[in-house]
Amino acid sequence: MRLNALVRKDLIRFVSDRRALVVNMVLPLLLTSIMGLSFGGGMFGQSKGISAIPLALVGSDLPEMLKERLAEGLRESEFFEVTWTDSLNADAMVRQGTVTAAVFLPPSFGEDFFRLRPVEIQLWKDPGSELKSGIVEQIITRALRQYQAGEAAYLSLWPNEDYPDLLSEDGEFEDAFINGDMTTIWKRWRQTQNDPQWAEARDKMILSVDRHLALSEAMESSVVSLTVHDKAPMGEAETPKDMNLYDYFLPGFSVFFLMFAVSASARDLHREKLNGTLHRQLLSPVSSIDFLLGKWISSSLQGVFQLVVLYLLGAVLFQVNLGPNFWSLPVVILLCCMAGSGFFLVIALLTPTEKMMDNISTMVVLVFAMVGGNMMPLDQLPSWVHTFGRFGFNYWANVSFNDIMAKNQSAAANLQPLIVLAFMTAGFLVVNVLIVRLKMRKGVWA
């Protein structure tokens, strides 16, 4: 009964602080809405996926046929929305933010490419869109590395390749090989079939293409391959779930504000110590362990209430996925809140003043949020960040929430985060009990 009274007292105080309730409920939903809309999500969870990246291409001397094929291939990838333009317009479009980036092919690109001369491709990026322009840079960099590897292999196999010599200085053969559409090129080749010079050029051209194709096929083939099949039990196959960006953003922001909430709850220890409430409670029949457990339980219940309300509102407003079954999400919520409450109680017991506790807990929350997947999806964090993030309870909570809400997996499919959270909860409780007993023995707590 004494424990119930302690928990009820803290919960009444929690409910009476309406300003904190509004902040901890409204801000996560607001940030989730902003991030979802910024990355292409629709209103009220009607996600359209990540929008295509607007890209400008500049290459005035390329044949129209090649321009059309290149633009068509980029659009079919669904990653890019392509516009061919000149250098002045491309520069203006990038500066105005109309396109994310522009790829500039030099005026002599076609000739230099066929003559195996050095070619410099420029990428102009919009500094206001670092994420999407970075994606463009990575894709182009990887494509160039693959081409350079093939070029090096080709030149090592056939160092005396004389195809570039076929292109005369006046560009006669170059025009025949690449200018115009396929019908025009083919007719031009057929009409000159009795010309010995053209016959030799065609034979060398065919030989060069054969070598390129052979090298390409050799580089694409692999001895060992991996094929992944997603198999559901018989009769349980489901159609793929449309990606909802809010499933990724809401858990991260909700756990971020949860850390502030449970930190504020633990900070009440200093306020009760300052106004004498803590001293009077310790003089009552309530034991120090009961008092500690009351604080931990009430803080955990406050966190559970906050997350449950947030996710229910997220399901209504953004169609957030609440998991494949009724128990996975509640279990993760409970373990997350218990571990978080225990962790911040340790900080409250170790700090001598409320001001120091406030400064330390704020710093800890921000660091944990950056390395634990609250500011950025865990998949986008480098490996060394994961190493540090694993020391925080929020990291494991974010892993489970991502599995359940974004991937629609049961918590049983990945038990490691649940086990780690359970051990963290038990460990923090043991540490809290040891600190309280040490303080009571020295008589310095109240």
Protein backbone atom coordinates (compact mmCIF):
# COMPACT_ATOMS: atom_id res chain seq x y z
CA MET A 1 0.00 0.00 0.00
CA ARG A 2 2.85 2.41 0.82
CA LEU A 3 4.36 1.75 -2.62
CA ASN A 4 1.00 2.39 -4.29
CA ALA A 5 0.69 5.71 -2.48
CA LEU A 6 4.15 6.81 -3.63
CA VAL A 7 3.41 5.88 -7.25
CA ARG A 8 -0.01 7.58 -7.14
CA LYS A 9 1.54 10.78 -5.72
CA ASP A 10 4.07 11.06 -8.58
CA LEU A 11 1.48 10.23 -11.24
CA ILE A 12 -0.84 12.97 -9.95
CA ARG A 13 2.04 15.42 -10.16
CA PHE A 14 2.78 14.23 -13.71
CA VAL A 15 -0.81 14.72 -14.88
CA SER A 16 -1.03 18.15 -13.27
CA ASP A 17 1.94 19.45 -15.30
CA ARG A 18 -0.08 20.09 -18.46
CA ARG A 19 2.59 22.19 -20.12
CA ALA A 20 5.09 19.32 -20.08
CA LEU A 21 2.41 16.95 -21.35
CA VAL A 22 1.66 19.19 -24.31
CA VAL A 23 5.35 19.61 -25.17
CA ASN A 24 6.12 15.90 -24.97
CA MET A 25 3.07 15.00 -27.08
CA VAL A 26 2.88 17.77 -29.66
CA LEU A 27 6.55 18.22 -30.56
CA PRO A 28 7.21 14.59 -31.58
CA LEU A 29 4.10 14.61 -33.79
CA LEU A 30 5.05 17.98 -35.28
CA LEU A 31 8.63 16.93 -36.07
CA THR A 32 7.41 13.63 -37.50
CA SER A 33 5.00 15.47 -39.79
CA ILE A 34 7.70 17.90 -40.98
CA MET A 35 10.25 15.17 -41.68
CA GLY A 36 7.71 12.95 -43.42
CA LEU A 37 6.58 15.74 -45.74
CA SER A 38 10.17 16.84 -46.39
CA PHE A 39 11.18 13.39 -47.63
CA GLY A 40 8.17 12.86 -49.86
CA GLY A 41 5.56 11.49 -47.50
CA GLY A 42 1.96 12.49 -48.11
CA MET A 43 -0.46 14.00 -45.64
CA PHE A 44 -2.04 11.69 -43.05
CA GLY A 45 0.31 8.80 -43.84
CA GLN A 46 -0.42 8.64 -47.55
CA SER A 47 3.26 8.17 -48.29
CA LYS A 48 4.45 8.48 -51.84
CA GLY A 49 7.92 7.18 -51.06
CA ILE A 50 11.07 9.21 -51.57
CA SER A 51 10.53 11.54 -54.52
CA ALA A 52 12.68 11.35 -57.65
CA ILE A 53 15.77 13.55 -57.59
CA PRO A 54 15.60 16.39 -60.14
CA LEU A 55 18.77 16.22 -62.23
CA ALA A 56 20.02 18.44 -65.07
CA LEU A 57 22.31 17.06 -67.78
CA VAL A 58 24.53 19.20 -69.99
CA GLY A 59 26.08 17.73 -73.15
CA SER A 60 25.55 19.80 -76.28
CA ASP A 61 27.62 17.68 -78.68
CA LEU A 62 26.01 14.33 -77.89
CA PRO A 63 23.69 12.84 -80.52
CA GLU A 64 20.00 13.21 -79.75
CA MET A 65 19.61 9.44 -79.79
CA LEU A 66 22.13 9.02 -76.98
CA LYS A 67 20.54 11.84 -75.01
CA GLU A 68 17.13 10.22 -75.25
CA ARG A 69 18.44 6.79 -74.28
CA LEU A 70 20.38 8.16 -71.29
CA ALA A 71 17.44 10.22 -70.03
CA GLU A 72 15.07 7.29 -70.48
CA GLY A 73 17.35 4.94 -68.56
CA LEU A 74 17.71 7.37 -65.65
CA ARG A 75 13.97 7.94 -65.46
CA GLU A 76 13.23 4.21 -65.52
CA SER A 77 15.40 3.79 -62.43
CA GLU A 78 12.79 5.97 -60.62
CA PHE A 79 15.62 7.74 -58.80
CA PHE A 80 15.93 10.72 -61.13
CA GLU A 81 13.81 13.20 -63.04
CA VAL A 82 16.09 14.26 -65.91
CA THR A 83 16.25 17.51 -67.87
CA TRP A 84 18.68 18.16 -70.73
CA THR A 85 19.73 21.80 -70.91
CA ASP A 86 22.71 24.08 -71.56
CA SER A 87 25.37 25.09 -69.06
CA LEU A 88 23.92 28.53 -68.26
CA ASN A 89 20.45 27.19 -67.50
CA ALA A 90 21.89 24.29 -65.53
CA ASP A 91 23.95 26.66 -63.38
CA ALA A 92 20.88 28.80 -62.69
CA MET A 93 18.69 25.78 -61.93
CA VAL A 94 21.19 24.45 -59.37
CA ARG A 95 21.60 27.84 -57.68
CA GLN A 96 17.82 28.34 -57.50
CA GLY A 97 17.23 24.85 -56.15
CA THR A 98 15.12 23.83 -59.16
CA VAL A 99 17.33 20.75 -59.55
CA THR A 100 19.36 18.96 -56.92
CA ALA A 101 22.44 18.61 -59.11
CA ALA A 102 23.68 19.03 -62.66
CA VAL A 103 26.07 16.74 -64.54
CA PHE A 104 28.21 18.69 -67.03
CA LEU A 105 29.72 16.76 -69.94
CA PRO A 106 32.42 18.86 -71.70
CA PRO A 107 31.82 19.99 -75.30
CA SER A 108 34.38 17.50 -76.65
CA PHE A 109 33.06 14.61 -74.58
CA GLY A 110 32.07 12.39 -77.51
CA GLU A 111 35.30 12.83 -79.45
CA ASP A 112 37.56 12.51 -76.39
CA PHE A 113 35.67 9.44 -75.20
CA PHE A 114 36.10 7.58 -78.49
CA ARG A 115 39.74 8.63 -78.78
CA LEU A 116 40.44 7.44 -75.21
CA ARG A 117 41.51 10.90 -74.14
CA PRO A 118 41.09 12.12 -70.55
CA VAL A 119 37.54 13.31 -69.96
CA GLU A 120 36.53 15.51 -67.03
CA ILE A 121 32.89 15.26 -65.95
CA GLN A 122 31.72 17.96 -63.57
CA LEU A 123 29.01 17.66 -60.96
CA TRP A 124 27.30 20.80 -59.75
CA LYS A 125 25.48 20.29 -56.45
CA ASP A 126 22.82 22.32 -54.68
CA PRO A 127 24.31 23.10 -51.21
CA GLY A 128 20.79 23.38 -49.83
CA SER A 129 20.08 19.72 -50.57
CA GLU A 130 23.07 17.88 -49.16
CA LEU A 131 21.31 14.53 -48.78
CA LYS A 132 19.98 14.17 -52.32
CA SER A 133 23.00 15.78 -53.99
CA GLY A 134 25.19 13.39 -51.99
CA ILE A 135 23.19 10.47 -53.41
CA VAL A 136 23.88 11.74 -56.95
CA GLU A 137 27.59 12.08 -56.17
CA GLN A 138 27.80 8.54 -54.77
CA ILE A 139 26.03 7.01 -57.77
CA ILE A 140 28.26 8.82 -60.29
CA THR A 141 31.41 8.00 -58.33
CA ARG A 142 30.59 4.29 -58.24
CA ALA A 143 29.71 4.23 -61.95
CA LEU A 144 33.01 5.92 -62.86
CA ARG A 145 34.98 3.49 -60.71
CA GLN A 146 33.35 0.56 -62.47
CA TYR A 147 34.09 2.09 -65.88
CA GLN A 148 37.70 2.86 -64.93
CA ALA A 149 38.20 -0.73 -63.82
CA GLY A 150 36.86 -2.00 -67.14
CA GLU A 151 38.96 0.52 -69.09
CA ALA A 152 42.12 -0.56 -67.28
CA ALA A 153 41.36 -4.22 -67.95
CA TYR A 154 40.63 -3.50 -71.64
CA LEU A 155 43.87 -1.59 -72.21
CA SER A 156 45.89 -4.28 -70.45
CA LEU A 157 44.41 -7.00 -72.66
CA TRP A 158 44.58 -5.05 -75.95
CA PRO A 159 47.20 -2.31 -75.52
CA ASN A 160 47.56 -1.82 -79.28
CA GLU A 161 43.87 -1.22 -79.94
CA ASP A 162 43.74 0.97 -83.04
CA TYR A 163 40.04 1.85 -83.01
CA PRO A 164 40.74 5.48 -82.12
CA ASP A 165 42.72 5.81 -85.36
CA LEU A 166 39.52 5.18 -87.29
CA LEU A 167 38.27 8.61 -86.33
CA SER A 168 39.73 10.97 -88.89
CA GLU A 169 40.67 14.49 -87.99
CA ASP A 170 37.78 15.89 -90.01
CA GLY A 171 35.34 13.75 -88.04
CA GLU A 172 34.09 11.85 -91.12
CA PHE A 173 33.99 8.44 -89.51
CA GLU A 174 32.91 9.86 -86.19
CA ASP A 175 29.82 11.31 -87.82
CA ALA A 176 29.06 7.98 -89.42
CA PHE A 177 29.42 6.01 -86.22
CA ILE A 178 27.49 8.09 -83.71
CA ASN A 179 25.50 10.88 -85.34
CA GLY A 180 21.82 10.45 -86.06
CA ASP A 181 19.36 7.75 -85.10
CA MET A 182 19.89 4.02 -85.61
CA THR A 183 18.09 4.00 -88.98
CA THR A 184 20.24 6.83 -90.33
CA ILE A 185 23.47 5.22 -89.12
CA TRP A 186 22.54 1.84 -90.57
CA LYS A 187 21.65 3.31 -93.97
CA ARG A 188 24.93 5.22 -94.03
CA TRP A 189 26.85 2.03 -93.31
CA ARG A 190 24.97 0.06 -95.97
CA GLN A 191 25.47 2.72 -98.65
CA THR A 192 29.25 2.68 -98.16
CA GLN A 193 29.71 -1.09 -97.99
CA ASN A 194 31.69 -1.19 -101.28
CA ASP A 195 34.18 1.44 -100.11
CA PRO A 196 37.36 -0.40 -98.96
CA GLN A 197 38.19 2.29 -96.42
CA TRP A 198 34.73 2.03 -94.86
CA ALA A 199 34.84 -1.76 -94.93
CA GLU A 200 38.09 -1.72 -92.96
CA ALA A 201 36.63 0.80 -90.53
CA ARG A 202 33.53 -1.33 -90.00
CA ASP A 203 35.57 -4.47 -89.42
CA LYS A 204 37.70 -2.74 -86.80
CA MET A 205 34.62 -1.23 -85.22
CA ILE A 206 32.97 -4.66 -84.98
CA LEU A 207 36.17 -6.14 -83.49
CA SER A 208 36.35 -3.41 -80.89
CA VAL A 209 32.68 -3.82 -79.93
CA ASP A 210 33.14 -7.61 -79.67
CA ARG A 211 36.04 -7.09 -77.28
CA HIS A 212 34.10 -4.63 -75.17
CA LEU A 213 31.16 -7.02 -74.95
CA ALA A 214 33.38 -9.96 -74.06
CA LEU A 215 35.08 -7.99 -71.31
CA SER A 216 31.76 -6.70 -70.03
CA GLU A 217 30.31 -10.21 -69.81
CA ALA A 218 33.43 -11.50 -68.07
CA MET A 219 33.32 -8.75 -65.45
CA GLU A 220 29.61 -9.18 -64.81
CA SER A 221 29.76 -12.95 -64.27
CA SER A 222 30.61 -14.30 -60.82
CA VAL A 223 31.48 -17.74 -59.52
CA VAL A 224 29.62 -17.38 -56.23
CA SER A 225 26.26 -15.63 -56.07
CA LEU A 226 23.63 -15.03 -53.41
CA THR A 227 19.91 -15.20 -54.06
CA VAL A 228 17.55 -14.03 -51.31
CA HIS A 229 13.96 -15.29 -51.10
CA ASP A 230 11.40 -13.97 -48.63
CA LYS A 231 9.27 -16.97 -47.84
CA ALA A 232 6.14 -16.92 -45.70
CA PRO A 233 4.50 -20.05 -44.28
CA MET A 234 2.06 -21.78 -46.60
CA GLY A 235 -1.11 -19.76 -46.93
CA GLU A 236 0.33 -16.69 -45.20
CA ALA A 237 1.88 -14.89 -48.14
CA GLU A 238 1.03 -11.22 -48.12
CA THR A 239 1.38 -8.44 -50.60
CA PRO A 240 4.29 -6.10 -49.82
CA LYS A 241 3.43 -3.26 -47.49
CA ASP A 242 3.75 0.23 -48.95
CA MET A 243 6.54 2.20 -47.30
CA ASN A 244 5.27 4.79 -44.85
CA LEU A 245 8.00 7.29 -43.97
CA TYR A 246 6.26 8.12 -40.70
CA ASP A 247 6.98 4.58 -39.48
CA TYR A 248 10.65 5.56 -39.46
CA PHE A 249 10.44 9.06 -38.01
CA LEU A 250 7.83 8.78 -35.23
CA PRO A 251 9.64 6.13 -33.12
CA GLY A 252 12.91 8.05 -33.22
CA PHE A 253 11.38 11.35 -32.14
CA SER A 254 9.13 9.72 -29.54
CA VAL A 255 12.07 7.99 -27.81
CA PHE A 256 14.03 11.25 -27.98
CA PHE A 257 11.34 13.14 -26.05
CA LEU A 258 10.80 10.13 -23.78
CA MET A 259 14.39 10.58 -22.54
CA PHE A 260 13.61 14.17 -21.58
CA ALA A 261 10.39 13.08 -19.83
CA VAL A 262 11.92 10.34 -17.67
CA SER A 263 14.88 12.61 -16.95
CA ALA A 264 12.50 15.26 -15.61
CA SER A 265 10.75 12.65 -13.50
CA ALA A 266 14.04 11.50 -11.97
CA ARG A 267 15.00 15.13 -11.36
CA ASP A 268 12.10 15.37 -8.87
CA LEU A 269 14.42 13.69 -6.37
CA HIS A 270 16.42 16.90 -6.11
CA ARG A 271 13.29 19.05 -5.79
CA GLU A 272 11.93 16.87 -3.01
CA LYS A 273 15.30 16.99 -1.29
CA LEU A 274 15.38 20.79 -1.55
CA ASN A 275 11.86 21.41 -0.17
CA GLY A 276 12.20 18.80 2.58
CA THR A 277 9.67 16.31 1.18
CA LEU A 278 12.34 13.65 0.77
CA HIS A 279 13.44 13.97 4.40
CA ARG A 280 9.88 13.65 5.73
CA GLN A 281 9.20 10.58 3.58
CA LEU A 282 12.37 8.87 4.77
CA LEU A 283 11.31 9.49 8.39
CA SER A 284 7.95 7.83 7.72
CA PRO A 285 7.38 4.06 7.70
CA VAL A 286 8.31 4.11 3.98
CA SER A 287 11.68 2.41 3.42
CA SER A 288 14.32 3.88 1.15
CA ILE A 289 13.94 0.94 -1.26
CA ASP A 290 10.16 1.47 -1.41
CA PHE A 291 10.76 5.12 -2.15
CA LEU A 292 13.23 4.24 -4.92
CA LEU A 293 10.90 1.65 -6.46
CA GLY A 294 8.01 4.11 -6.30
CA LYS A 295 10.03 6.66 -8.26
CA TRP A 296 11.10 4.06 -10.81
CA ILE A 297 7.60 2.64 -11.31
CA SER A 298 5.93 6.05 -11.59
CA SER A 299 8.59 7.27 -14.06
CA SER A 300 8.17 4.10 -16.14
CA LEU A 301 4.38 4.45 -16.19
CA GLN A 302 4.67 8.08 -17.28
CA GLY A 303 6.88 7.00 -20.18
CA VAL A 304 4.51 4.19 -21.13
CA PHE A 305 1.58 6.60 -21.12
CA GLN A 306 3.50 9.06 -23.31
CA LEU A 307 4.56 6.48 -25.92
CA VAL A 308 1.18 4.75 -26.05
CA VAL A 309 -0.64 8.03 -26.66
CA LEU A 310 1.92 9.10 -29.27
CA TYR A 311 1.69 5.86 -31.23
CA LEU A 312 -2.10 5.80 -31.08
CA LEU A 313 -2.18 9.38 -32.38
CA GLY A 314 0.40 8.40 -35.00
CA ALA A 315 -1.80 5.54 -36.14
CA VAL A 316 -4.77 7.91 -36.51
CA LEU A 317 -2.96 10.90 -38.03
CA PHE A 318 -0.21 9.25 -40.09
CA GLN A 319 -1.42 5.64 -40.44
CA VAL A 320 1.66 4.49 -38.53
CA ASN A 321 1.99 0.71 -38.38
CA LEU A 322 1.56 -0.65 -34.84
CA GLY A 323 3.09 -4.02 -35.61
CA PRO A 324 2.02 -7.45 -36.84
CA ASN A 325 0.53 -8.53 -33.48
CA PHE A 326 -0.94 -7.00 -30.34
CA TRP A 327 1.93 -7.75 -27.94
CA SER A 328 5.19 -6.79 -29.70
CA LEU A 329 4.87 -3.02 -29.46
CA PRO A 330 3.64 -2.93 -25.80
CA VAL A 331 6.50 -5.17 -24.68
CA VAL A 332 9.13 -2.95 -26.32
CA ILE A 333 7.47 0.19 -24.94
CA LEU A 334 7.49 -1.23 -21.41
CA LEU A 335 11.12 -2.39 -21.55
CA CYS A 336 12.25 0.88 -23.09
CA CYS A 337 10.55 2.97 -20.40
CA MET A 338 11.80 0.80 -17.53
CA ALA A 339 15.40 0.90 -18.78
CA GLY A 340 15.24 4.66 -19.40
CA SER A 341 13.76 5.39 -15.99
CA GLY A 342 16.40 3.30 -14.24
CA PHE A 343 19.21 4.97 -16.17
CA PHE A 344 18.18 8.54 -15.34
CA LEU A 345 17.56 7.63 -11.70
CA VAL A 346 21.23 6.64 -11.53
CA ILE A 347 22.18 10.10 -12.79
CA ALA A 348 19.83 11.74 -10.29
CA LEU A 349 21.33 9.80 -7.38
CA LEU A 350 24.92 10.55 -8.40
CA THR A 351 24.52 14.29 -8.97
CA PRO A 352 24.53 16.62 -5.91
CA THR A 353 22.24 19.33 -7.30
CA GLU A 354 19.31 19.70 -9.66
CA LYS A 355 21.22 22.11 -11.90
CA MET A 356 24.09 19.70 -12.37
CA MET A 357 21.70 16.84 -13.04
CA ASP A 358 19.85 18.94 -15.61
CA ASN A 359 23.07 19.80 -17.45
CA ILE A 360 24.41 16.25 -17.43
CA SER A 361 21.12 14.63 -18.45
CA THR A 362 20.64 17.11 -21.31
CA MET A 363 24.10 16.35 -22.63
CA VAL A 364 23.54 12.61 -22.27
CA VAL A 365 20.19 12.80 -24.10
CA LEU A 366 21.68 14.70 -27.03
CA VAL A 367 24.68 12.36 -27.36
CA PHE A 368 22.55 9.23 -27.03
CA ALA A 369 20.12 10.62 -29.60
CA MET A 370 22.89 11.22 -32.14
CA VAL A 371 24.55 7.80 -31.79
CA GLY A 372 21.39 5.83 -30.99
CA GLY A 373 19.31 6.46 -34.11
CA ASN A 374 16.95 9.20 -32.91
CA MET A 375 18.27 11.93 -35.21
CA MET A 376 19.05 9.70 -38.19
CA PRO A 377 17.93 6.17 -39.16
CA LEU A 378 20.24 3.50 -37.83
CA ASP A 379 20.84 2.14 -41.34
CA GLN A 380 22.46 5.44 -42.31
CA LEU A 381 24.91 5.57 -39.39
CA PRO A 382 28.54 4.43 -39.87
CA SER A 383 29.74 1.31 -38.09
CA TRP A 384 31.79 3.18 -35.47
CA VAL A 385 28.68 5.10 -34.38
CA HIS A 386 26.85 1.80 -33.84
CA THR A 387 29.68 0.74 -31.53
CA PHE A 388 29.03 3.68 -29.20
CA GLY A 389 25.26 3.64 -29.69
CA ARG A 390 24.94 0.12 -28.28
CA PHE A 391 25.75 1.45 -24.82
CA GLY A 392 22.49 3.41 -24.76
CA PHE A 393 19.07 1.93 -24.06
CA ASN A 394 17.56 4.11 -26.80
CA TYR A 395 19.66 2.35 -29.46
CA TRP A 396 18.11 -1.03 -28.70
CA ALA A 397 14.66 0.49 -28.37
CA ASN A 398 15.03 2.09 -31.81
CA VAL A 399 16.14 -1.23 -33.29
CA SER A 400 13.00 -2.96 -32.01
CA PHE A 401 10.65 -0.13 -32.96
CA ASN A 402 12.12 -0.10 -36.47
CA ASP A 403 11.64 -3.87 -36.81
CA ILE A 404 8.05 -3.72 -35.59
CA MET A 405 6.74 -0.52 -37.18
CA ALA A 406 8.85 -0.06 -40.32
CA LYS A 407 9.52 -3.71 -41.20
CA ASN A 408 6.28 -5.12 -39.73
CA GLN A 409 8.16 -7.87 -37.91
CA SER A 410 7.25 -9.48 -34.63
CA ALA A 411 9.47 -8.68 -31.65
CA ALA A 412 10.13 -12.42 -31.40
CA ALA A 413 11.92 -12.29 -34.77
CA ASN A 414 14.77 -10.36 -33.14
CA LEU A 415 15.02 -11.01 -29.42
CA GLN A 416 18.44 -9.45 -28.91
CA PRO A 417 17.15 -5.88 -28.31
CA LEU A 418 14.55 -7.15 -25.83
CA ILE A 419 17.15 -9.18 -23.93
CA VAL A 420 19.57 -6.25 -23.81
CA LEU A 421 16.83 -3.88 -22.56
CA ALA A 422 15.82 -6.39 -19.89
CA PHE A 423 19.42 -6.75 -18.68
CA MET A 424 19.85 -2.96 -18.71
CA THR A 425 16.70 -2.57 -16.62
CA ALA A 426 17.89 -5.11 -14.06
CA GLY A 427 21.39 -3.64 -14.01
CA PHE A 428 20.21 -0.07 -13.47
CA LEU A 429 17.91 -1.18 -10.65
CA VAL A 430 20.75 -3.00 -8.89
CA VAL A 431 22.99 0.06 -9.21
CA ASN A 432 20.23 2.32 -7.86
CA VAL A 433 19.67 0.08 -4.84
CA LEU A 434 23.40 -0.01 -4.08
CA ILE A 435 23.67 3.79 -4.32
CA VAL A 436 20.64 4.32 -2.05
CA ARG A 437 21.95 1.93 0.59
CA LEU A 438 25.35 3.59 0.49
CA LYS A 439 23.78 7.03 0.89
CA MET A 440 21.57 5.86 3.75
CA ARG A 441 24.55 4.32 5.48
CA LYS A 442 26.49 7.57 5.23
CA GLY A 443 23.39 9.65 6.02
CA VAL A 444 23.97 12.03 3.10
CA TRP A 445 20.90 11.42 0.93
CA ALA A 446 18.35 13.69 2.57
